[in-house]
Amino acid sequence: MQINIKYLLAVSLLALYCGYNEAKNTKPILEEFRKDYSSITKACKAVGFVRDNCSTRDHLRKVAFTVAVKSSSASLYSKTLIFDHIISNVGNGYNPSTGVFTAPRAGTYVFYVAAVEYSTYYLTLDIVINSAAKVRLVGYNSASYQTGTNMVSQYLRRGDDVHIKHTGGKGYYSMTVPATTFTGFMI
């Protein structure tokens, strides 16, 4: 009903604008108006579809995760550290079964790791990208429960992988509110 009122109003205004009188044939003008109105309506709907479609898919382009361990380990030996507690995993790039993040999209990423060494055991962990260690954190054993952190930014292609590898020391410490974490996000 509302569209019909708008249509009648537009036709009336068009007729007044064109100097409608008994002697003029307004049929060609009206047909041209209908075609223009139809084209404009289709264009507006298409633009609205594109806008709505893009905004609903925006979350598919974002990539970010934070994962953690909630229990301590005093017997960790040179392997991929599996962060089995998911805090967030936007883009689903992190696999909690393997401990590996696989880039779902190409772009520049930032990775950050924080770990607390267990008791007075030292701890070293590497951020490894495609089998190459990029940076290392050290939790030194001069006192109990020292924290080591490190961060790297790197361009990744889709399918590149990132994980945290234990390279030295005996273990890490964590609590129910995690103290040993791994975070990554696309910038």
Protein backbone atom coordinates (compact mmCIF):
# COMPACT_ATOMS: atom_id res chain seq x y z
CA MET A 1 0.00 0.00 0.00
CA GLN A 2 2.78 2.41 0.92
CA ILE A 3 4.54 1.79 -2.42
CA ASN A 4 1.31 2.54 -4.34
CA ILE A 5 0.94 5.87 -2.51
CA LYS A 6 4.54 6.77 -3.31
CA TYR A 7 4.02 5.73 -6.92
CA LEU A 8 0.83 7.83 -7.26
CA LEU A 9 2.52 10.79 -5.60
CA ALA A 10 5.47 10.51 -7.98
CA VAL A 11 3.19 10.24 -11.01
CA SER A 12 1.19 13.26 -9.84
CA LEU A 13 4.32 15.33 -9.34
CA LEU A 14 5.63 14.22 -12.71
CA ALA A 15 2.38 15.22 -14.38
CA LEU A 16 2.46 18.66 -12.72
CA TYR A 17 6.13 19.12 -13.62
CA CYS A 18 5.55 18.24 -17.26
CA GLY A 19 2.73 20.76 -17.50
CA TYR A 20 -0.05 18.24 -17.71
CA ASN A 21 -3.10 19.41 -19.57
CA GLU A 22 -5.79 17.87 -21.77
CA ALA A 23 -3.85 18.47 -24.96
CA LYS A 24 -0.62 16.60 -23.88
CA ASN A 25 -0.20 12.86 -24.19
CA THR A 26 1.37 11.79 -20.93
CA LYS A 27 1.52 8.07 -21.75
CA PRO A 28 5.14 8.12 -23.10
CA ILE A 29 6.27 10.19 -20.11
CA LEU A 30 4.60 7.79 -17.71
CA GLU A 31 6.16 4.74 -19.39
CA GLU A 32 9.62 6.32 -19.19
CA PHE A 33 9.01 7.11 -15.53
CA ARG A 34 7.99 3.47 -14.84
CA LYS A 35 11.19 2.18 -16.49
CA ASP A 36 13.34 4.64 -14.54
CA TYR A 37 11.53 3.84 -11.30
CA SER A 38 11.98 0.10 -11.90
CA SER A 39 15.71 0.51 -12.66
CA ILE A 40 16.27 2.66 -9.59
CA THR A 41 14.37 0.20 -7.39
CA LYS A 42 16.46 -2.73 -8.67
CA ALA A 43 19.68 -0.78 -8.15
CA CYS A 44 18.71 0.16 -4.60
CA LYS A 45 17.87 -3.44 -3.77
CA ALA A 46 21.17 -4.63 -5.26
CA VAL A 47 23.17 -2.10 -3.23
CA GLY A 48 21.30 -3.11 -0.09
CA PHE A 49 22.03 -6.78 -0.80
CA VAL A 50 25.73 -6.11 -1.26
CA ARG A 51 25.90 -4.03 1.93
CA ASP A 52 24.00 -6.63 3.96
CA ASN A 53 25.96 -9.50 2.45
CA CYS A 54 29.32 -7.86 3.18
CA SER A 55 28.47 -6.98 6.76
CA THR A 56 27.26 -10.50 7.56
CA ARG A 57 30.46 -12.01 6.13
CA ASP A 58 32.81 -9.57 7.84
CA HIS A 59 33.42 -12.06 10.66
CA LEU A 60 34.70 -14.59 8.10
CA ARG A 61 37.63 -12.29 7.26
CA LYS A 62 38.79 -11.77 10.84
CA VAL A 63 41.37 -14.05 12.40
CA ALA A 64 42.35 -14.03 16.08
CA PHE A 65 42.87 -16.58 18.82
CA THR A 66 43.97 -16.89 22.43
CA VAL A 67 44.62 -20.33 23.83
CA ALA A 68 46.01 -21.53 27.13
CA VAL A 69 46.91 -24.43 29.35
CA LYS A 70 45.09 -24.66 32.66
CA SER A 71 47.32 -27.24 34.34
CA SER A 72 51.05 -27.30 35.01
CA SER A 73 53.62 -29.72 33.59
CA ALA A 74 56.97 -30.60 35.17
CA SER A 75 57.92 -33.07 32.45
CA LEU A 76 57.82 -31.31 29.11
CA TYR A 77 60.44 -32.47 26.60
CA SER A 78 61.13 -30.87 23.18
CA LYS A 79 57.79 -31.03 21.47
CA THR A 80 54.92 -28.85 20.31
CA LEU A 81 53.15 -27.37 23.29
CA ILE A 82 49.44 -28.04 23.01
CA PHE A 83 47.28 -25.25 24.41
CA ASP A 84 44.08 -27.19 24.97
CA HIS A 85 41.97 -24.45 26.56
CA ILE A 86 40.37 -22.21 23.91
CA ILE A 87 39.64 -18.67 25.09
CA SER A 88 38.83 -17.47 21.57
CA ASN A 89 39.36 -18.87 18.07
CA VAL A 90 37.91 -16.42 15.53
CA GLY A 91 38.43 -17.87 12.06
CA ASN A 92 39.04 -21.35 13.52
CA GLY A 93 42.73 -21.35 12.62
CA TYR A 94 43.97 -22.91 15.86
CA ASN A 95 43.67 -26.68 16.30
CA PRO A 96 43.59 -27.65 20.02
CA SER A 97 44.33 -31.30 19.19
CA THR A 98 47.66 -30.58 17.48
CA GLY A 99 48.64 -27.21 19.01
CA VAL A 100 49.11 -25.78 15.51
CA PHE A 101 47.63 -22.57 14.08
CA THR A 102 47.05 -22.76 10.32
CA ALA A 103 46.51 -19.41 8.58
CA PRO A 104 43.02 -19.42 7.04
CA ARG A 105 43.90 -16.26 5.04
CA ALA A 106 47.04 -14.64 3.73
CA GLY A 107 48.13 -11.53 5.60
CA THR A 108 50.35 -10.12 8.31
CA TYR A 109 49.92 -11.77 11.70
CA VAL A 110 51.18 -11.08 15.21
CA PHE A 111 51.92 -13.97 17.58
CA TYR A 112 52.58 -13.66 21.31
CA VAL A 113 53.45 -16.30 23.87
CA ALA A 114 53.72 -15.99 27.65
CA ALA A 115 54.83 -18.86 29.87
CA VAL A 116 55.67 -19.27 33.53
CA GLU A 117 58.51 -21.70 34.29
CA TYR A 118 57.64 -24.49 36.70
CA SER A 119 59.03 -23.97 40.21
CA THR A 120 62.78 -23.30 39.74
CA TYR A 121 63.13 -25.13 36.42
CA TYR A 122 64.11 -22.88 33.55
CA LEU A 123 61.97 -22.88 30.42
CA THR A 124 62.54 -21.96 26.79
CA LEU A 125 59.85 -21.96 24.12
CA ASP A 126 60.11 -20.93 20.46
CA ILE A 127 57.45 -19.46 18.19
CA VAL A 128 57.89 -21.64 15.10
CA ILE A 129 56.55 -20.59 11.69
CA ASN A 130 56.68 -23.19 8.92
CA SER A 131 59.32 -25.24 10.78
CA ALA A 132 61.60 -22.23 11.42
CA ALA A 133 62.04 -20.85 14.93
CA LYS A 134 61.46 -17.08 14.82
CA VAL A 135 61.75 -15.93 18.47
CA ARG A 136 62.36 -17.54 21.85
CA LEU A 137 61.05 -16.86 25.31
CA VAL A 138 63.07 -17.67 28.38
CA GLY A 139 61.75 -18.23 31.89
CA TYR A 140 65.00 -18.19 33.84
CA ASN A 141 65.36 -20.19 37.06
CA SER A 142 66.99 -17.59 39.32
CA ALA A 143 63.76 -17.59 41.33
CA SER A 144 60.62 -19.67 41.27
CA TYR A 145 57.92 -19.15 38.65
CA GLN A 146 59.64 -16.64 36.38
CA THR A 147 57.64 -15.50 33.34
CA GLY A 148 59.03 -15.41 29.82
CA THR A 149 57.33 -13.66 26.91
CA ASN A 150 58.01 -12.93 23.28
CA MET A 151 56.24 -11.71 20.16
CA VAL A 152 56.73 -11.82 16.40
CA SER A 153 54.93 -10.35 13.40
CA GLN A 154 55.14 -12.19 10.11
CA TYR A 155 53.45 -12.28 6.72
CA LEU A 156 51.77 -15.66 6.23
CA ARG A 157 50.32 -17.29 3.17
CA ARG A 158 47.09 -19.23 3.49
CA GLY A 159 47.96 -22.65 4.93
CA ASP A 160 51.18 -21.58 6.68
CA ASP A 161 51.46 -23.01 10.18
CA VAL A 162 52.59 -21.65 13.54
CA HIS A 163 53.16 -23.48 16.80
CA ILE A 164 54.99 -23.16 20.09
CA LYS A 165 57.87 -25.60 20.53
CA HIS A 166 59.41 -26.51 23.86
CA THR A 167 63.19 -26.21 23.39
CA GLY A 168 64.55 -26.37 26.93
CA GLY A 169 63.76 -26.76 30.60
CA LYS A 170 61.41 -29.19 32.25
CA GLY A 171 58.02 -27.58 32.36
CA TYR A 172 55.59 -24.72 32.68
CA TYR A 173 53.18 -23.51 35.31
CA SER A 174 49.57 -22.50 34.91
CA MET A 175 46.42 -22.14 36.98
CA THR A 176 42.66 -22.34 36.48
CA VAL A 177 42.89 -18.73 35.28
CA PRO A 178 45.64 -19.35 32.71
CA ALA A 179 49.16 -17.98 33.14
CA THR A 180 50.71 -19.78 30.14
CA THR A 181 49.07 -18.56 26.92
CA PHE A 182 49.50 -18.29 23.14
CA THR A 183 47.81 -15.51 21.14
CA GLY A 184 47.73 -14.67 17.45
CA PHE A 185 45.83 -12.24 15.28
CA MET A 186 45.80 -10.81 11.78
CA ILE A 187 46.50 -7.09 11.43
